C-alpha atoms as a PDB file:
ATOM      1  CA  MET A   1       0.300  -0.097  -0.100  1.00  0.00           C
ATOM      2  CA  ILE A   2       1.280   3.412  -1.267  1.00  0.00           C
ATOM      3  CA  PRO A   3       1.386   5.978   1.253  1.00  0.00           C
ATOM      4  CA  THR A   4      -0.947   9.094   1.372  1.00  0.00           C
ATOM      5  CA  PHE A   5       0.379  12.196   2.984  1.00  0.00           C
ATOM      6  CA  ASP A   6      -1.311  13.944   5.358  1.00  0.00           C
ATOM      7  CA  LYS A   7       0.029  17.579   6.459  1.00  0.00           C
ATOM      8  CA  THR A   8      -0.138  17.617   9.689  1.00  0.00           C
ATOM      9  CA  SER A   9       1.172  14.869  10.326  1.00  0.00           C
ATOM     10  CA  GLY A  10       3.522  15.216   7.626  1.00  0.00           C
ATOM     11  CA  LEU A  11       5.194  18.443   8.424  1.00  0.00           C
ATOM     12  CA  GLU A  12       5.816  17.117  12.004  1.00  0.00           C
ATOM     13  CA  LYS A  13       7.546  13.781  10.710  1.00  0.00           C
ATOM     14  CA  SER A  14       9.640  15.900   8.055  1.00  0.00           C
ATOM     15  CA  GLU A  15       8.611  13.909   4.926  1.00  0.00           C
ATOM     16  CA  ILE A  16       6.996  16.877   4.023  1.00  0.00           C
ATOM     17  CA  VAL A  17       9.312  20.007   4.043  1.00  0.00           C
ATOM     18  CA  LYS A  18       8.311  23.563   3.870  1.00  0.00           C
ATOM     19  CA  ILE A  19      11.334  25.262   1.300  1.00  0.00           C
ATOM     20  CA  ILE A  20      13.052  28.196   3.764  1.00  0.00           C
ATOM     21  CA  HIS A  21      14.253  30.839   0.976  1.00  0.00           C
ATOM     22  CA  LYS A  22      17.406  32.233   1.298  1.00  0.00           C
ATOM     23  CA  ASP A  23      18.228  29.375   3.782  1.00  0.00           C
ATOM     24  CA  TRP A  24      20.073  26.762   2.147  1.00  0.00           C
ATOM     25  CA  ASN A  25      20.569  24.838   5.424  1.00  0.00           C
ATOM     26  CA  GLY A  26      17.276  25.954   7.218  1.00  0.00           C
ATOM     27  CA  PHE A  27      15.165  23.185   5.963  1.00  0.00           C
ATOM     28  CA  PRO A  28      16.373  18.942   5.286  1.00  0.00           C
ATOM     29  CA  PHE A  29      15.557  17.134   3.085  1.00  0.00           C
ATOM     30  CA  PRO A  30      12.479  14.687   3.266  1.00  0.00           C
ATOM     31  CA  ASN A  31      13.214  10.939   3.293  1.00  0.00           C
ATOM     32  CA  ASN A  32      16.965  11.191   2.835  1.00  0.00           C
ATOM     33  CA  GLY A  33      18.803   8.867   1.064  1.00  0.00           C
ATOM     34  CA  THR A  34      16.107   6.743   0.049  1.00  0.00           C
ATOM     35  CA  ALA A  35      14.359   5.800  -3.526  1.00  0.00           C
ATOM     36  CA  GLY A  36      11.412   6.310  -4.189  1.00  0.00           C
ATOM     37  CA  VAL A  37       9.336   8.717  -5.568  1.00  0.00           C
ATOM     38  CA  TYR A  38       9.018  12.937  -4.840  1.00  0.00           C
ATOM     39  CA  PHE A  39       7.503  15.823  -5.233  1.00  0.00           C
ATOM     40  CA  LEU A  40       7.631  19.987  -5.493  1.00  0.00           C
ATOM     41  CA  PHE A  41       4.807  21.561  -4.708  1.00  0.00           C
ATOM     42  CA  GLY A  42       4.878  26.267  -5.787  1.00  0.00           C
ATOM     43  CA  HIS A  43       2.649  28.720  -7.200  1.00  0.00           C
ATOM     44  CA  GLU A  44       3.413  30.242 -10.552  1.00  0.00           C
ATOM     45  CA  LYS A  45       6.432  33.587  -9.983  1.00  0.00           C
ATOM     46  CA  ALA A  46       3.940  35.981 -12.802  1.00  0.00           C
ATOM     47  CA  LEU A  47       0.389  34.176 -10.940  1.00  0.00           C
ATOM     48  CA  ALA A  48       0.672  33.515  -7.183  1.00  0.00           C
ATOM     49  CA  ASP A  49      -2.459  31.688  -6.570  1.00  0.00           C
ATOM     50  CA  LYS A  50      -1.563  29.467  -9.735  1.00  0.00           C
ATOM     51  CA  ASN A  51      -0.372  26.279  -7.433  1.00  0.00           C
ATOM     52  CA  GLY A  52       2.220  24.247  -9.487  1.00  0.00           C
ATOM     53  CA  LEU A  53       3.072  20.170  -8.884  1.00  0.00           C
ATOM     54  CA  TYR A  54       6.213  18.955 -10.274  1.00  0.00           C
ATOM     55  CA  ILE A  55       6.486  14.695  -9.776  1.00  0.00           C
ATOM     56  CA  GLY A  56      10.028  12.996  -9.916  1.00  0.00           C
ATOM     57  CA  LYS A  57      11.467   9.552  -8.636  1.00  0.00           C
ATOM     58  CA  ALA A  58      15.000   8.434  -7.898  1.00  0.00           C
ATOM     59  CA  SER A  59      15.541   4.967  -8.540  1.00  0.00           C
ATOM     60  CA  PHE A  60      18.359   2.382  -9.368  1.00  0.00           C
ATOM     61  CA  GLY A  61      20.979   4.562  -7.589  1.00  0.00           C
ATOM     62  CA  SER A  62      19.107   7.311  -7.180  1.00  0.00           C
ATOM     63  CA  LYS A  63      18.346   9.000  -4.092  1.00  0.00           C
ATOM     64  CA  THR A  64      15.318  11.103  -3.887  1.00  0.00           C
ATOM     65  CA  SER A  65      18.134  13.572  -1.684  1.00  0.00           C
ATOM     66  CA  ASN A  66      20.414  13.787  -4.427  1.00  0.00           C
ATOM     67  CA  ARG A  67      17.613  14.612  -6.873  1.00  0.00           C
ATOM     68  CA  LEU A  68      15.998  17.621  -4.616  1.00  0.00           C
ATOM     69  CA  TYR A  69      19.151  18.862  -4.444  1.00  0.00           C
ATOM     70  CA  ALA A  70      19.668  18.780  -8.093  1.00  0.00           C
ATOM     71  CA  HIS A  71      16.847  21.029  -9.170  1.00  0.00           C
ATOM     72  CA  LEU A  72      17.545  23.131  -5.524  1.00  0.00           C
ATOM     73  CA  HIS A  73      21.473  23.677  -5.675  1.00  0.00           C
ATOM     74  CA  PRO A  74      21.357  25.939  -8.967  1.00  0.00           C
ATOM     75  CA  TYR A  75      19.340  28.573  -7.055  1.00  0.00           C
ATOM     76  CA  ARG A  76      21.168  28.063  -3.274  1.00  0.00           C
ATOM     77  CA  GLU A  77      22.642  31.973  -3.765  1.00  0.00           C
ATOM     78  CA  LYS A  78      19.447  33.851  -5.128  1.00  0.00           C
ATOM     79  CA  ASP A  79      16.404  34.888  -3.700  1.00  0.00           C
ATOM     80  CA  LEU A  80      13.777  32.009  -4.194  1.00  0.00           C
ATOM     81  CA  TYR A  81      13.830  28.688  -5.188  1.00  0.00           C
ATOM     82  CA  GLU A  82      12.557  28.556  -8.804  1.00  0.00           C
ATOM     83  CA  MET A  83      11.858  26.164 -11.226  1.00  0.00           C
ATOM     84  CA  ASN A  84      10.827  26.454 -14.771  1.00  0.00           C
ATOM     85  CA  GLY A  85       7.699  24.888 -16.378  1.00  0.00           C
ATOM     86  CA  TYR A  86       7.462  22.725 -18.963  1.00  0.00           C
ATOM     87  CA  ARG A  87       5.442  25.721 -21.386  1.00  0.00           C
ATOM     88  CA  GLY A  88       7.937  28.046 -20.051  1.00  0.00           C
ATOM     89  CA  GLU A  89       6.556  29.429 -17.119  1.00  0.00           C
ATOM     90  CA  VAL A  90       8.101  30.006 -13.583  1.00  0.00           C
ATOM     91  CA  TYR A  91       7.522  28.620 -10.335  1.00  0.00           C
ATOM     92  CA  VAL A  92       9.051  28.862  -6.980  1.00  0.00           C
ATOM     93  CA  LEU A  93       9.360  26.461  -4.860  1.00  0.00           C
ATOM     94  CA  ASP A  94       7.756  26.326  -1.236  1.00  0.00           C
ATOM     95  CA  TYR A  95       7.385  22.475  -0.223  1.00  0.00           C
ATOM     96  CA  MET A  96       8.403  19.657  -1.477  1.00  0.00           C
ATOM     97  CA  ALA A  97       7.711  16.122   0.226  1.00  0.00           C
ATOM     98  CA  SER A  98       8.624  12.380  -1.130  1.00  0.00           C
ATOM     99  CA  LEU A  99       7.222   9.172  -0.803  1.00  0.00           C
ATOM    100  CA  ASP A 100      10.444   6.135   1.066  1.00  0.00           C
ATOM    101  CA  LEU A 101       9.473   2.914  -1.298  1.00  0.00           C
ATOM    102  CA  ASP A 102      12.727   1.433   0.172  1.00  0.00           C
ATOM    103  CA  LYS A 103      11.117   1.278   3.556  1.00  0.00           C
ATOM    104  CA  LEU A 104       7.915  -0.191   1.318  1.00  0.00           C
ATOM    105  CA  GLN A 105      10.681  -2.367   0.112  1.00  0.00           C
ATOM    106  CA  ILE A 106       9.796  -2.027  -3.660  1.00  0.00           C
ATOM    107  CA  PRO A 107      12.533   0.644  -4.761  1.00  0.00           C
ATOM    108  CA  PHE A 108      12.167  -0.390  -8.605  1.00  0.00           C
ATOM    109  CA  MET A 109       8.361   0.776  -8.381  1.00  0.00           C
ATOM    110  CA  ALA A 110       8.884   4.718  -9.131  1.00  0.00           C
ATOM    111  CA  PRO A 111       9.650   5.193 -12.220  1.00  0.00           C
ATOM    112  CA  SER A 112       5.932   2.924 -12.699  1.00  0.00           C
ATOM    113  CA  LEU A 113       4.971   5.046 -10.347  1.00  0.00           C
ATOM    114  CA  GLU A 114       6.459   8.417 -11.537  1.00  0.00           C
ATOM    115  CA  GLU A 115       4.713   7.748 -14.622  1.00  0.00           C
ATOM    116  CA  TYR A 116       1.571   6.945 -13.402  1.00  0.00           C
ATOM    117  CA  LEU A 117       0.979   9.791 -11.286  1.00  0.00           C
ATOM    118  CA  ILE A 118       1.716  11.837 -13.933  1.00  0.00           C
ATOM    119  CA  THR A 119      -0.029   9.932 -17.006  1.00  0.00           C
ATOM    120  CA  ASN A 120      -3.200  10.317 -14.501  1.00  0.00           C
ATOM    121  CA  LEU A 121      -3.059  13.355 -12.796  1.00  0.00           C
ATOM    122  CA  ARG A 122      -2.231  15.636 -15.478  1.00  0.00           C
ATOM    123  CA  HIS A 123      -5.872  16.545 -16.449  1.00  0.00           C
ATOM    124  CA  SER A 124      -6.694  17.778 -12.404  1.00  0.00           C
ATOM    125  CA  LEU A 125      -3.820  19.303 -11.386  1.00  0.00           C
ATOM    126  CA  ASN A 126      -1.032  21.930 -12.695  1.00  0.00           C
ATOM    127  CA  LEU A 127       2.374  19.738 -12.808  1.00  0.00           C
ATOM    128  CA  ILE A 128       4.812  21.468 -13.525  1.00  0.00           C
ATOM    129  CA  ASN A 129       6.339  18.793 -15.724  1.00  0.00           C
ATOM    130  CA  GLY A 130       4.839  15.988 -18.311  1.00  0.00           C
ATOM    131  CA  ILE A 131       5.798  12.503 -18.874  1.00  0.00           C
ATOM    132  CA  GLY A 132       9.329  12.499 -20.027  1.00  0.00           C
ATOM    133  CA  ASN A 133      10.723  15.286 -18.243  1.00  0.00           C
END
């Protein structure tokens, strides 16, 4: 069974982490050092009320913390952690989360779960990424 996110308990357990802008050391990576699926939640820079979600995977030797690091590190010295959407829009990142598939003993499922979530959520959520990017 794949766990679901509860914002209150997820924040308490550091499964969901608020991104602290201008403070690289102010936040941990969720499920550090594990394989799984990770999520970056943000809002469009030009339209603050338009939320976006990025879904990614870490599998086969990669770890969610490494993937999150790769997305955030280029903005370490900037005012805001940002991400470009696949339609050219810019998102300011607010939260990150991940599912620890190592703990469930199914790290090999990360690519399938990522593709499944993107495919099935793309019509109901504003995804920052599409399939294959």
